[in-house]
Protein backbone atom coordinates (compact mmCIF):
# COMPACT_ATOMS: atom_id res chain seq x y z
CA MET A 1 33.28 17.32 77.30
CA GLN A 2 30.33 18.96 75.91
CA LYS A 3 30.77 22.38 76.43
CA VAL A 4 32.60 25.05 79.12
CA THR A 5 29.44 27.53 80.81
CA PRO A 6 29.78 30.08 82.97
CA PHE A 7 27.63 29.54 86.28
CA LEU A 8 25.82 31.71 88.31
CA MET A 9 24.98 31.55 91.80
CA PHE A 10 22.11 33.70 93.30
CA GLN A 11 20.95 33.97 97.56
CA GLY A 12 17.41 34.14 95.99
CA ASN A 13 17.31 36.15 93.41
CA ALA A 14 18.45 34.52 90.07
CA GLU A 15 15.60 34.52 88.46
CA GLU A 16 14.57 38.01 88.79
CA ALA A 17 17.58 38.80 87.13
CA MET A 18 17.43 36.57 84.58
CA ASN A 19 14.42 38.00 83.20
CA TYR A 20 15.99 41.94 83.56
CA TYR A 21 19.54 40.48 82.07
CA THR A 22 17.24 38.75 78.94
CA SER A 23 14.93 42.42 78.93
CA LEU A 24 17.94 44.47 78.28
CA LEU A 25 19.62 42.59 75.54
CA GLU A 26 17.79 41.83 72.54
CA GLU A 27 18.00 37.65 71.30
CA SER A 28 18.39 36.48 74.58
CA GLU A 29 16.06 34.03 76.31
CA ILE A 30 15.55 31.90 79.28
CA ILE A 31 16.21 28.54 78.24
CA SER A 32 14.81 26.39 81.42
CA ILE A 33 13.99 27.34 85.33
CA ILE A 34 13.64 23.38 87.17
CA ARG A 35 12.40 24.77 90.82
CA TYR A 36 12.96 23.01 94.16
CA GLY A 37 9.41 21.74 95.51
CA ALA A 38 7.54 20.92 98.82
CA ASN A 39 10.31 19.46 101.64
CA GLU A 40 12.80 19.91 99.39
CA ALA A 41 16.89 21.71 99.55
CA GLY A 42 16.01 24.89 99.09
CA GLU A 43 12.95 27.19 99.51
CA GLU A 44 9.91 25.59 97.37
CA GLY A 45 9.30 27.58 94.31
CA SER A 46 12.73 28.49 94.77
CA VAL A 47 15.77 28.20 91.34
CA MET A 48 17.50 24.79 91.54
CA GLN A 49 18.55 25.15 88.14
CA ALA A 50 18.30 27.79 85.40
CA SER A 51 19.78 28.67 81.84
CA PHE A 52 19.38 31.76 80.85
CA SER A 53 21.14 32.89 77.05
CA LEU A 54 22.07 36.17 76.74
CA LYS A 55 22.82 37.09 72.85
CA GLY A 56 24.14 33.47 72.12
CA GLN A 57 25.90 32.47 75.31
CA GLU A 58 23.68 30.21 77.36
CA ILE A 59 24.75 31.44 81.44
CA MET A 60 23.06 28.68 84.29
CA CYS A 61 22.42 30.17 87.57
CA ILE A 62 20.84 28.90 90.76
CA ASP A 63 19.55 30.26 94.02
CA SER A 64 22.24 28.61 96.22
CA ASN A 65 19.97 26.64 99.49
CA ILE A 66 22.41 27.06 102.24
CA LYS A 67 24.29 30.31 102.55
CA HIS A 68 27.37 31.69 102.15
CA GLU A 69 29.81 34.50 103.02
CA PHE A 70 30.75 35.74 99.99
CA THR A 71 29.25 36.90 96.55
CA PHE A 72 30.61 37.78 92.89
CA THR A 73 33.47 39.37 92.54
CA PRO A 74 34.39 41.89 89.38
CA SER A 75 37.63 39.33 88.60
CA PHE A 76 34.81 37.42 86.86
CA SER A 77 32.76 39.64 84.60
CA LEU A 78 30.56 39.77 81.23
CA PHE A 79 32.42 41.13 78.72
CA ILE A 80 29.80 42.98 75.85
CA THR A 81 30.56 44.53 72.65
CA CYS A 82 28.33 47.38 71.89
CA ASP A 83 27.07 48.20 68.69
CA SER A 84 26.27 51.49 69.02
CA GLU A 85 26.79 54.86 72.08
CA GLU A 86 23.37 54.59 72.10
CA GLU A 87 23.30 50.38 72.85
CA ILE A 88 26.49 51.36 75.34
CA ASN A 89 25.18 54.07 77.03
CA ARG A 90 21.41 52.31 77.94
CA LEU A 91 22.95 49.50 78.96
CA TYR A 92 25.22 51.66 81.21
CA GLU A 93 22.48 53.45 82.85
CA LYS A 94 20.43 50.71 83.07
CA LEU A 95 22.93 48.01 84.87
CA THR A 96 24.35 50.48 86.84
CA GLU A 97 21.26 50.91 89.08
CA GLY A 98 21.10 49.82 92.15
CA GLY A 99 24.28 48.82 91.31
CA GLY A 100 27.45 50.51 91.67
CA ILE A 101 30.59 51.61 88.82
CA LEU A 102 34.39 50.48 88.67
CA MET A 103 35.57 52.12 85.87
CA PRO A 104 33.08 54.97 84.18
CA LEU A 105 32.15 54.89 81.15
CA ASP A 106 34.95 56.83 79.24
CA ASN A 107 37.47 56.67 76.45
CA TYR A 108 40.61 54.48 78.41
CA GLY A 109 42.95 54.52 75.09
CA PHE A 110 42.37 50.72 74.27
CA SER A 111 38.71 51.65 73.00
CA LYS A 112 36.26 54.67 71.94
CA LYS A 113 34.26 53.52 75.09
CA PHE A 114 34.40 51.12 77.65
CA GLY A 115 32.87 51.45 81.55
CA TRP A 116 33.45 48.41 84.02
CA ILE A 117 29.83 48.01 86.07
CA GLU A 118 29.47 46.11 89.27
CA ASP A 119 24.75 45.10 89.02
CA LYS A 120 21.87 44.92 91.41
CA PHE A 121 22.85 41.77 92.09
CA GLY A 122 26.56 41.46 91.99
CA VAL A 123 27.28 40.52 88.60
CA SER A 124 29.52 42.63 87.18
CA TRP A 125 29.83 43.20 83.17
CA GLN A 126 32.90 44.85 80.78
CA LEU A 127 30.24 46.99 78.56
CA ASN A 128 32.60 47.92 75.20
CA LEU A 129 32.61 50.37 72.57
CA PRO A 130 35.16 49.62 69.81
CA SER A 131 37.14 52.25 67.67
């Protein structure tokens, strides 16, 4: 076994999500994108398979060529340990745009500041500022 990589399945907006996430976090980049071509299973130009890195954590994703009744669930989330109040506030503000709040930013006793949110793509994020 080489490694374990988180995998996100989008419904047509994988590239938009990757661009958004990598623009928010320093030291993040899109590593590779393989697109569907003409007469292939998915919509031409959509993401057949891609990988991107957020602060060194590689994540794979696709645009599903099959419409599913399910989407992302908050029981799986991306956890970010922030370095400053400014950073956690900025990420919270950006990631909640068009999304939702599962736990508002606050001191819940286990950290100085914590928030759990769902972004506009349906992906859940836990933002933590340790004590």
